[in-house]
Amino acid sequence: MGKLILRKFDTAKLPRTQYILAGNPIEGHIRFFAGYAGWNNTQLQKEINEDSWIIGETCKQHLLEENYRELWQTSMNELGNPYRLWAKYPQYPSCN
């Protein structure tokens, strides 16, 4: 287990598009999540400082190999209480 730190792909070595187009392996190295999130240059750090984010530890294999449908639930369970309860929270609470 190591601390999970979200960061940009290491473009100093090889930009991700070149890495992929060069036929390098993707499985086990890159995982795509569709969506968008954006912050200004200090917003994310401010939100982390305000405890708006849960920062936990995980391993590379967990992120790259876990079934995407189970990733959230597994991650919340691994954090233990009180987050374990969040893993059972219904997708649409108003329909519960």
PDB file of N, CA and C in Angstrom:
ATOM      1  N   MET A   1       0.842  -1.175   0.000  1.00  0.00           N
ATOM      2  CA  MET A   1       0.000   0.000   0.000  1.00  0.00           C
ATOM      3  C   MET A   1       0.887   1.237   0.000  1.00  0.00           C
ATOM      4  N   GLY A   2       0.497   2.217  -0.768  1.00  0.00           N
ATOM      5  CA  GLY A   2       1.202   3.478  -0.799  1.00  0.00           C
ATOM      6  C   GLY A   2       0.192   4.604  -0.862  1.00  0.00           C
ATOM      7  N   LYS A   3       0.604   5.775  -0.540  1.00  0.00           N
ATOM      8  CA  LYS A   3      -0.311   6.918  -0.563  1.00  0.00           C
ATOM      9  C   LYS A   3      -0.713   7.220  -2.001  1.00  0.00           C
ATOM     10  N   LEU A   4      -1.996   7.394  -2.223  1.00  0.00           N
ATOM     11  CA  LEU A   4      -2.520   7.704  -3.546  1.00  0.00           C
ATOM     12  C   LEU A   4      -2.347   9.188  -3.797  1.00  0.00           C
ATOM     13  N   ILE A   5      -1.602   9.509  -4.820  1.00  0.00           N
ATOM     14  CA  ILE A   5      -1.409  10.904  -5.204  1.00  0.00           C
ATOM     15  C   ILE A   5      -1.802  11.032  -6.660  1.00  0.00           C
ATOM     16  N   LEU A   6      -2.781  11.847  -6.908  1.00  0.00           N
ATOM     17  CA  LEU A   6      -3.213  12.070  -8.278  1.00  0.00           C
ATOM     18  C   LEU A   6      -2.279  13.082  -8.911  1.00  0.00           C
ATOM     19  N   ARG A   7      -1.769  12.740 -10.074  1.00  0.00           N
ATOM     20  CA  ARG A   7      -0.853  13.652 -10.744  1.00  0.00           C
ATOM     21  C   ARG A   7      -0.966  13.472 -12.243  1.00  0.00           C
ATOM     22  N   LYS A   8      -0.400  14.404 -12.946  1.00  0.00           N
ATOM     23  CA  LYS A   8      -0.371  14.326 -14.403  1.00  0.00           C
ATOM     24  C   LYS A   8       0.534  13.192 -14.840  1.00  0.00           C
ATOM     25  N   PHE A   9       0.245  12.658 -16.010  1.00  0.00           N
ATOM     26  CA  PHE A   9       1.101  11.641 -16.609  1.00  0.00           C
ATOM     27  C   PHE A   9       2.497  12.243 -16.766  1.00  0.00           C
ATOM     28  N   ASP A  10       3.518  11.449 -16.569  1.00  0.00           N
ATOM     29  CA  ASP A  10       4.893  11.947 -16.619  1.00  0.00           C
ATOM     30  C   ASP A  10       5.269  12.312 -18.061  1.00  0.00           C
ATOM     31  N   THR A  11       4.976  13.555 -18.434  1.00  0.00           N
ATOM     32  CA  THR A  11       5.234  13.992 -19.805  1.00  0.00           C
ATOM     33  C   THR A  11       6.713  14.250 -20.065  1.00  0.00           C
ATOM     34  N   ALA A  12       7.521  14.273 -18.995  1.00  0.00           N
ATOM     35  CA  ALA A  12       8.965  14.463 -19.200  1.00  0.00           C
ATOM     36  C   ALA A  12       9.553  13.251 -19.924  1.00  0.00           C
ATOM     37  N   LYS A  13       8.984  12.079 -19.674  1.00  0.00           N
ATOM     38  CA  LYS A  13       9.479  10.869 -20.326  1.00  0.00           C
ATOM     39  C   LYS A  13       8.863  10.715 -21.715  1.00  0.00           C
ATOM     40  N   LEU A  14       7.565  10.743 -21.785  1.00  0.00           N
ATOM     41  CA  LEU A  14       6.886  10.555 -23.057  1.00  0.00           C
ATOM     42  C   LEU A  14       5.427  10.982 -22.894  1.00  0.00           C
ATOM     43  N   PRO A  15       4.946  11.953 -23.666  1.00  0.00           N
ATOM     44  CA  PRO A  15       3.543  12.356 -23.549  1.00  0.00           C
ATOM     45  C   PRO A  15       2.629  11.156 -23.761  1.00  0.00           C
ATOM     46  N   ARG A  16       1.501  11.124 -23.033  1.00  0.00           N
ATOM     47  CA  ARG A  16       0.613   9.955 -23.055  1.00  0.00           C
ATOM     48  C   ARG A  16       0.122   9.608 -24.445  1.00  0.00           C
ATOM     49  N   THR A  17      -0.154  10.598 -25.286  1.00  0.00           N
ATOM     50  CA  THR A  17      -0.616  10.260 -26.636  1.00  0.00           C
ATOM     51  C   THR A  17       0.482   9.561 -27.419  1.00  0.00           C
ATOM     52  N   GLN A  18       1.705  10.039 -27.299  1.00  0.00           N
ATOM     53  CA  GLN A  18       2.819   9.379 -27.979  1.00  0.00           C
ATOM     54  C   GLN A  18       3.041   7.982 -27.409  1.00  0.00           C
ATOM     55  N   TYR A  19       2.913   7.853 -26.098  1.00  0.00           N
ATOM     56  CA  TYR A  19       3.072   6.560 -25.441  1.00  0.00           C
ATOM     57  C   TYR A  19       2.078   5.548 -26.019  1.00  0.00           C
ATOM     58  N   ILE A  20       0.824   5.953 -26.122  1.00  0.00           N
ATOM     59  CA  ILE A  20      -0.223   5.066 -26.634  1.00  0.00           C
ATOM     60  C   ILE A  20      -0.028   4.787 -28.115  1.00  0.00           C
ATOM     61  N   LEU A  21       0.190   5.841 -28.905  1.00  0.00           N
ATOM     62  CA  LEU A  21       0.343   5.678 -30.353  1.00  0.00           C
ATOM     63  C   LEU A  21       1.587   4.868 -30.724  1.00  0.00           C
ATOM     64  N   ALA A  22       2.579   4.839 -29.845  1.00  0.00           N
ATOM     65  CA  ALA A  22       3.784   4.058 -30.111  1.00  0.00           C
ATOM     66  C   ALA A  22       3.554   2.567 -29.872  1.00  0.00           C
ATOM     67  N   GLY A  23       2.329   2.219 -29.446  1.00  0.00           N
ATOM     68  CA  GLY A  23       2.003   0.813 -29.237  1.00  0.00           C
ATOM     69  C   GLY A  23       2.449   0.255 -27.906  1.00  0.00           C
ATOM     70  N   ASN A  24       2.795   1.147 -26.981  1.00  0.00           N
ATOM     71  CA  ASN A  24       3.182   0.687 -25.649  1.00  0.00           C
ATOM     72  C   ASN A  24       1.976   0.078 -24.940  1.00  0.00           C
ATOM     73  N   PRO A  25       2.213  -0.809 -23.956  1.00  0.00           N
ATOM     74  CA  PRO A  25       1.093  -1.444 -23.259  1.00  0.00           C
ATOM     75  C   PRO A  25       0.274  -0.439 -22.463  1.00  0.00           C
ATOM     76  N   ILE A  26      -1.026  -0.596 -22.539  1.00  0.00           N
ATOM     77  CA  ILE A  26      -1.935   0.268 -21.784  1.00  0.00           C
ATOM     78  C   ILE A  26      -2.416  -0.464 -20.540  1.00  0.00           C
ATOM     79  N   GLU A  27      -2.818  -1.718 -20.708  1.00  0.00           N
ATOM     80  CA  GLU A  27      -3.324  -2.490 -19.579  1.00  0.00           C
ATOM     81  C   GLU A  27      -2.260  -2.584 -18.494  1.00  0.00           C
ATOM     82  N   GLY A  28      -2.673  -2.223 -17.295  1.00  0.00           N
ATOM     83  CA  GLY A  28      -1.742  -2.235 -16.172  1.00  0.00           C
ATOM     84  C   GLY A  28      -0.913  -0.974 -16.048  1.00  0.00           C
ATOM     85  N   HIS A  29      -1.037  -0.048 -17.015  1.00  0.00           N
ATOM     86  CA  HIS A  29      -0.264   1.197 -16.984  1.00  0.00           C
ATOM     87  C   HIS A  29      -1.145   2.436 -17.009  1.00  0.00           C
ATOM     88  N   ILE A  30      -2.240   2.368 -17.756  1.00  0.00           N
ATOM     89  CA  ILE A  30      -3.129   3.520 -17.902  1.00  0.00           C
ATOM     90  C   ILE A  30      -4.561   3.033 -17.797  1.00  0.00           C
ATOM     91  N   ARG A  31      -5.392   3.756 -17.084  1.00  0.00           N
ATOM     92  CA  ARG A  31      -6.820   3.449 -17.013  1.00  0.00           C
ATOM     93  C   ARG A  31      -7.567   4.748 -17.258  1.00  0.00           C
ATOM     94  N   PHE A  32      -8.540   4.688 -18.127  1.00  0.00           N
ATOM     95  CA  PHE A  32      -9.297   5.875 -18.484  1.00  0.00           C
ATOM     96  C   PHE A  32     -10.599   5.930 -17.694  1.00  0.00           C
ATOM     97  N   PHE A  33     -10.903   7.098 -17.138  1.00  0.00           N
ATOM     98  CA  PHE A  33     -12.167   7.355 -16.464  1.00  0.00           C
ATOM     99  C   PHE A  33     -12.803   8.533 -17.195  1.00  0.00           C
ATOM    100  N   ALA A  34     -13.998   8.320 -17.723  1.00  0.00           N
ATOM    101  CA  ALA A  34     -14.677   9.380 -18.466  1.00  0.00           C
ATOM    102  C   ALA A  34     -15.294  10.377 -17.499  1.00  0.00           C
ATOM    103  N   GLY A  35     -15.136  11.627 -17.793  1.00  0.00           N
ATOM    104  CA  GLY A  35     -15.690  12.678 -16.964  1.00  0.00           C
ATOM    105  C   GLY A  35     -14.792  13.897 -17.028  1.00  0.00           C
ATOM    106  N   TYR A  36     -15.166  14.900 -16.306  1.00  0.00           N
ATOM    107  CA  TYR A  36     -14.364  16.114 -16.308  1.00  0.00           C
ATOM    108  C   TYR A  36     -14.415  16.745 -14.920  1.00  0.00           C
ATOM    109  N   ALA A  37     -13.309  17.213 -14.469  1.00  0.00           N
ATOM    110  CA  ALA A  37     -13.217  18.001 -13.247  1.00  0.00           C
ATOM    111  C   ALA A  37     -12.115  19.024 -13.483  1.00  0.00           C
ATOM    112  N   GLY A  38     -12.347  20.219 -13.056  1.00  0.00           N
ATOM    113  CA  GLY A  38     -11.349  21.257 -13.253  1.00  0.00           C
ATOM    114  C   GLY A  38     -11.259  22.172 -12.049  1.00  0.00           C
ATOM    115  N   TRP A  39     -10.074  22.622 -11.778  1.00  0.00           N
ATOM    116  CA  TRP A  39      -9.837  23.530 -10.668  1.00  0.00           C
ATOM    117  C   TRP A  39      -8.898  24.632 -11.127  1.00  0.00           C
ATOM    118  N   ASN A  40      -8.985  25.791 -10.458  1.00  0.00           N
ATOM    119  CA  ASN A  40      -7.975  26.803 -10.736  1.00  0.00           C
ATOM    120  C   ASN A  40      -6.697  26.386 -10.015  1.00  0.00           C
ATOM    121  N   ASN A  41      -5.653  27.161 -10.126  1.00  0.00           N
ATOM    122  CA  ASN A  41      -4.337  26.725  -9.649  1.00  0.00           C
ATOM    123  C   ASN A  41      -4.230  26.515  -8.146  1.00  0.00           C
ATOM    124  N   THR A  42      -5.130  27.031  -7.330  1.00  0.00           N
ATOM    125  CA  THR A  42      -5.054  26.810  -5.878  1.00  0.00           C
ATOM    126  C   THR A  42      -6.315  26.163  -5.305  1.00  0.00           C
ATOM    127  N   GLN A  43      -7.333  26.011  -6.113  1.00  0.00           N
ATOM    128  CA  GLN A  43      -8.622  25.539  -5.619  1.00  0.00           C
ATOM    129  C   GLN A  43      -8.560  24.129  -5.023  1.00  0.00           C
ATOM    130  N   LEU A  44      -7.923  23.191  -5.714  1.00  0.00           N
ATOM    131  CA  LEU A  44      -7.872  21.819  -5.209  1.00  0.00           C
ATOM    132  C   LEU A  44      -7.155  21.749  -3.870  1.00  0.00           C
ATOM    133  N   GLN A  45      -6.010  22.419  -3.745  1.00  0.00           N
ATOM    134  CA  GLN A  45      -5.291  22.404  -2.471  1.00  0.00           C
ATOM    135  C   GLN A  45      -6.133  23.018  -1.367  1.00  0.00           C
ATOM    136  N   LYS A  46      -6.863  24.080  -1.682  1.00  0.00           N
ATOM    137  CA  LYS A  46      -7.742  24.712  -0.693  1.00  0.00           C
ATOM    138  C   LYS A  46      -8.813  23.727  -0.241  1.00  0.00           C
ATOM    139  N   GLU A  47      -9.420  23.004  -1.185  1.00  0.00           N
ATOM    140  CA  GLU A  47     -10.450  22.028  -0.838  1.00  0.00           C
ATOM    141  C   GLU A  47      -9.882  20.887  -0.001  1.00  0.00           C
ATOM    142  N   ILE A  48      -8.660  20.462  -0.296  1.00  0.00           N
ATOM    143  CA  ILE A  48      -8.008  19.427   0.508  1.00  0.00           C
ATOM    144  C   ILE A  48      -7.776  19.945   1.923  1.00  0.00           C
ATOM    145  N   ASN A  49      -7.301  21.173   2.045  1.00  0.00           N
ATOM    146  CA  ASN A  49      -7.061  21.776   3.359  1.00  0.00           C
ATOM    147  C   ASN A  49      -8.352  21.930   4.164  1.00  0.00           C
ATOM    148  N   GLU A  50      -9.475  22.097   3.476  1.00  0.00           N
ATOM    149  CA  GLU A  50     -10.789  22.241   4.134  1.00  0.00           C
ATOM    150  C   GLU A  50     -11.426  20.887   4.442  1.00  0.00           C
ATOM    151  N   ASP A  51     -10.717  19.797   4.178  1.00  0.00           N
ATOM    152  CA  ASP A  51     -11.230  18.432   4.370  1.00  0.00           C
ATOM    153  C   ASP A  51     -12.447  18.135   3.509  1.00  0.00           C
ATOM    154  N   SER A  52     -12.474  18.712   2.305  1.00  0.00           N
ATOM    155  CA  SER A  52     -13.544  18.428   1.360  1.00  0.00           C
ATOM    156  C   SER A  52     -13.270  17.141   0.578  1.00  0.00           C
ATOM    157  N   TRP A  53     -12.073  16.618   0.703  1.00  0.00           N
ATOM    158  CA  TRP A  53     -11.658  15.409  -0.008  1.00  0.00           C
ATOM    159  C   TRP A  53     -11.253  14.352   0.999  1.00  0.00           C
ATOM    160  N   ILE A  54     -11.482  13.105   0.648  1.00  0.00           N
ATOM    161  CA  ILE A  54     -10.989  11.979   1.424  1.00  0.00           C
ATOM    162  C   ILE A  54      -9.721  11.513   0.723  1.00  0.00           C
ATOM    163  N   ILE A  55      -8.631  11.559   1.410  1.00  0.00           N
ATOM    164  CA  ILE A  55      -7.367  11.114   0.826  1.00  0.00           C
ATOM    165  C   ILE A  55      -6.959   9.854   1.574  1.00  0.00           C
ATOM    166  N   GLY A  56      -6.834   8.772   0.825  1.00  0.00           N
ATOM    167  CA  GLY A  56      -6.505   7.496   1.437  1.00  0.00           C
ATOM    168  C   GLY A  56      -5.317   6.853   0.762  1.00  0.00           C
ATOM    169  N   GLU A  57      -5.029   5.651   1.185  1.00  0.00           N
ATOM    170  CA  GLU A  57      -3.914   4.901   0.614  1.00  0.00           C
ATOM    171  C   GLU A  57      -4.460   3.747  -0.206  1.00  0.00           C
ATOM    172  N   THR A  58      -3.782   3.440  -1.268  1.00  0.00           N
ATOM    173  CA  THR A  58      -4.134   2.305  -2.106  1.00  0.00           C
ATOM    174  C   THR A  58      -2.903   1.887  -2.888  1.00  0.00           C
ATOM    175  N   CYS A  59      -3.045   0.849  -3.657  1.00  0.00           N
ATOM    176  CA  CYS A  59      -1.928   0.414  -4.482  1.00  0.00           C
ATOM    177  C   CYS A  59      -2.303   0.589  -5.955  1.00  0.00           C
ATOM    178  N   LYS A  60      -1.302   0.623  -6.788  1.00  0.00           N
ATOM    179  CA  LYS A  60      -1.489   0.813  -8.226  1.00  0.00           C
ATOM    180  C   LYS A  60      -2.424  -0.249  -8.799  1.00  0.00           C
ATOM    181  N   GLN A  61      -2.251  -1.501  -8.370  1.00  0.00           N
ATOM    182  CA  GLN A  61      -3.073  -2.585  -8.892  1.00  0.00           C
ATOM    183  C   GLN A  61      -4.546  -2.366  -8.588  1.00  0.00           C
ATOM    184  N   HIS A  62      -4.833  -1.819  -7.425  1.00  0.00           N
ATOM    185  CA  HIS A  62      -6.229  -1.558  -7.056  1.00  0.00           C
ATOM    186  C   HIS A  62      -6.876  -0.624  -8.077  1.00  0.00           C
ATOM    187  N   LEU A  63      -6.185   0.438  -8.423  1.00  0.00           N
ATOM    188  CA  LEU A  63      -6.737   1.404  -9.373  1.00  0.00           C
ATOM    189  C   LEU A  63      -6.794   0.868 -10.799  1.00  0.00           C
ATOM    190  N   LEU A  64      -5.824   0.065 -11.165  1.00  0.00           N
ATOM    191  CA  LEU A  64      -5.738  -0.398 -12.548  1.00  0.00           C
ATOM    192  C   LEU A  64      -6.503  -1.689 -12.810  1.00  0.00           C
ATOM    193  N   GLU A  65      -6.754  -2.495 -11.790  1.00  0.00           N
ATOM    194  CA  GLU A  65      -7.342  -3.808 -12.024  1.00  0.00           C
ATOM    195  C   GLU A  65      -8.716  -4.013 -11.414  1.00  0.00           C
ATOM    196  N   GLU A  66      -9.097  -3.222 -10.437  1.00  0.00           N
ATOM    197  CA  GLU A  66     -10.402  -3.382  -9.789  1.00  0.00           C
ATOM    198  C   GLU A  66     -11.511  -3.145 -10.801  1.00  0.00           C
ATOM    199  N   ASN A  67     -12.559  -3.968 -10.737  1.00  0.00           N
ATOM    200  CA  ASN A  67     -13.722  -3.772 -11.594  1.00  0.00           C
ATOM    201  C   ASN A  67     -14.276  -2.374 -11.333  1.00  0.00           C
ATOM    202  N   TYR A  68     -14.447  -1.586 -12.372  1.00  0.00           N
ATOM    203  CA  TYR A  68     -14.859  -0.192 -12.186  1.00  0.00           C
ATOM    204  C   TYR A  68     -16.202  -0.075 -11.479  1.00  0.00           C
ATOM    205  N   ARG A  69     -17.055  -1.073 -11.612  1.00  0.00           N
ATOM    206  CA  ARG A  69     -18.364  -1.034 -10.946  1.00  0.00           C
ATOM    207  C   ARG A  69     -18.230  -1.213  -9.428  1.00  0.00           C
ATOM    208  N   GLU A  70     -17.121  -1.782  -8.993  1.00  0.00           N
ATOM    209  CA  GLU A  70     -16.915  -2.049  -7.575  1.00  0.00           C
ATOM    210  C   GLU A  70     -15.859  -1.148  -6.942  1.00  0.00           C
ATOM    211  N   LEU A  71     -15.226  -0.299  -7.740  1.00  0.00           N
ATOM    212  CA  LEU A  71     -14.106   0.510  -7.259  1.00  0.00           C
ATOM    213  C   LEU A  71     -14.492   1.433  -6.110  1.00  0.00           C
ATOM    214  N   TRP A  72     -15.609   2.136  -6.228  1.00  0.00           N
ATOM    215  CA  TRP A  72     -16.039   3.062  -5.169  1.00  0.00           C
ATOM    216  C   TRP A  72     -16.333   2.291  -3.890  1.00  0.00           C
ATOM    217  N   GLN A  73     -17.124   1.232  -3.995  1.00  0.00           N
ATOM    218  CA  GLN A  73     -17.502   0.463  -2.812  1.00  0.00           C
ATOM    219  C   GLN A  73     -16.270  -0.142  -2.135  1.00  0.00           C
ATOM    220  N   THR A  74     -15.391  -0.724  -2.905  1.00  0.00           N
ATOM    221  CA  THR A  74     -14.181  -1.318  -2.356  1.00  0.00           C
ATOM    222  C   THR A  74     -13.317  -0.253  -1.676  1.00  0.00           C
ATOM    223  N   SER A  75     -13.176   0.899  -2.317  1.00  0.00           N
ATOM    224  CA  SER A  75     -12.359   1.981  -1.754  1.00  0.00           C
ATOM    225  C   SER A  75     -12.921   2.477  -0.429  1.00  0.00           C
ATOM    226  N   MET A  76     -14.228   2.669  -0.364  1.00  0.00           N
ATOM    227  CA  MET A  76     -14.850   3.141   0.877  1.00  0.00           C
ATOM    228  C   MET A  76     -14.732   2.088   1.977  1.00  0.00           C
ATOM    229  N   ASN A  77     -14.908   0.821   1.623  1.00  0.00           N
ATOM    230  CA  ASN A  77     -14.765  -0.248   2.620  1.00  0.00           C
ATOM    231  C   ASN A  77     -13.347  -0.302   3.175  1.00  0.00           C
ATOM    232  N   GLU A  78     -12.359  -0.117   2.313  1.00  0.00           N
ATOM    233  CA  GLU A  78     -10.961  -0.162   2.762  1.00  0.00           C
ATOM    234  C   GLU A  78     -10.618   0.976   3.719  1.00  0.00           C
ATOM    235  N   LEU A  79     -11.321   2.093   3.614  1.00  0.00           N
ATOM    236  CA  LEU A  79     -11.072   3.217   4.518  1.00  0.00           C
ATOM    237  C   LEU A  79     -11.625   2.958   5.917  1.00  0.00           C
ATOM    238  N   GLY A  80     -12.521   1.988   6.037  1.00  0.00           N
ATOM    239  CA  GLY A  80     -13.094   1.674   7.344  1.00  0.00           C
ATOM    240  C   GLY A  80     -14.180   2.671   7.730  1.00  0.00           C
ATOM    241  N   ASN A  81     -14.532   2.651   9.016  1.00  0.00           N
ATOM    242  CA  ASN A  81     -15.576   3.546   9.505  1.00  0.00           C
ATOM    243  C   ASN A  81     -15.066   4.972   9.572  1.00  0.00           C
ATOM    244  N   PRO A  82     -15.868   5.986   9.343  1.00  0.00           N
ATOM    245  CA  PRO A  82     -17.287   5.963   9.004  1.00  0.00           C
ATOM    246  C   PRO A  82     -17.552   5.808   7.504  1.00  0.00           C
ATOM    247  N   TYR A  83     -16.502   5.709   6.691  1.00  0.00           N
ATOM    248  CA  TYR A  83     -16.663   5.685   5.235  1.00  0.00           C
ATOM    249  C   TYR A  83     -17.290   4.396   4.729  1.00  0.00           C
ATOM    250  N   ARG A  84     -17.137   3.319   5.483  1.00  0.00           N
ATOM    251  CA  ARG A  84     -17.697   2.031   5.084  1.00  0.00           C
ATOM    252  C   ARG A  84     -19.203   2.160   4.832  1.00  0.00           C
ATOM    253  N   LEU A  85     -19.871   2.988   5.609  1.00  0.00           N
ATOM    254  CA  LEU A  85     -21.305   3.213   5.431  1.00  0.00           C
ATOM    255  C   LEU A  85     -21.591   3.826   4.066  1.00  0.00           C
ATOM    256  N   TRP A  86     -20.719   4.688   3.583  1.00  0.00           N
ATOM    257  CA  TRP A  86     -20.907   5.328   2.281  1.00  0.00           C
ATOM    258  C   TRP A  86     -20.916   4.310   1.149  1.00  0.00           C
ATOM    259  N   ALA A  87     -20.216   3.207   1.331  1.00  0.00           N
ATOM    260  CA  ALA A  87     -20.157   2.166   0.306  1.00  0.00           C
ATOM    261  C   ALA A  87     -21.529   1.546   0.073  1.00  0.00           C
ATOM    262  N   LYS A  88     -22.394   1.610   1.076  1.00  0.00           N
ATOM    263  CA  LYS A  88     -23.723   1.025   0.970  1.00  0.00           C
ATOM    264  C   LYS A  88     -24.796   2.054   0.602  1.00  0.00           C
ATOM    265  N   TYR A  89     -24.401   3.297   0.484  1.00  0.00           N
ATOM    266  CA  TYR A  89     -25.342   4.372   0.179  1.00  0.00           C
ATOM    267  C   TYR A  89     -25.932   4.140  -1.205  1.00  0.00           C
ATOM    268  N   PRO A  90     -27.256   4.202  -1.343  1.00  0.00           N
ATOM    269  CA  PRO A  90     -27.868   3.931  -2.648  1.00  0.00           C
ATOM    270  C   PRO A  90     -27.509   4.990  -3.693  1.00  0.00           C
ATOM    271  N   GLN A  91     -27.489   4.562  -4.948  1.00  0.00           N
ATOM    272  CA  GLN A  91     -27.147   5.489  -6.030  1.00  0.00           C
ATOM    273  C   GLN A  91     -28.166   6.630  -6.102  1.00  0.00           C
ATOM    274  N   TYR A  92     -29.423   6.315  -5.903  1.00  0.00           N
ATOM    275  CA  TYR A  92     -30.484   7.332  -5.936  1.00  0.00           C
ATOM    276  C   TYR A  92     -31.218   7.283  -4.598  1.00  0.00           C
ATOM    277  N   PRO A  93     -30.728   8.020  -3.593  1.00  0.00           N
ATOM    278  CA  PRO A  93     -31.311   7.949  -2.241  1.00  0.00           C
ATOM    279  C   PRO A  93     -32.798   8.271  -2.204  1.00  0.00           C
ATOM    280  N   SER A  94     -33.268   9.155  -3.061  1.00  0.00           N
ATOM    281  CA  SER A  94     -34.676   9.536  -3.037  1.00  0.00           C
ATOM    282  C   SER A  94     -35.591   8.379  -3.469  1.00  0.00           C
ATOM    283  N   CYS A  95     -35.035   7.373  -4.123  1.00  0.00           N
ATOM    284  CA  CYS A  95     -35.821   6.222  -4.558  1.00  0.00           C
ATOM    285  C   CYS A  95     -35.739   5.074  -3.558  1.00  0.00           C
ATOM    286  N   ASN A  96     -35.056   5.287  -2.459  1.00  0.00           N
ATOM    287  CA  ASN A  96     -34.852   4.225  -1.473  1.00  0.00           C
ATOM    288  C   ASN A  96     -36.072   4.043  -0.607  1.00  0.00           C
TER     289      ASN A  96
END
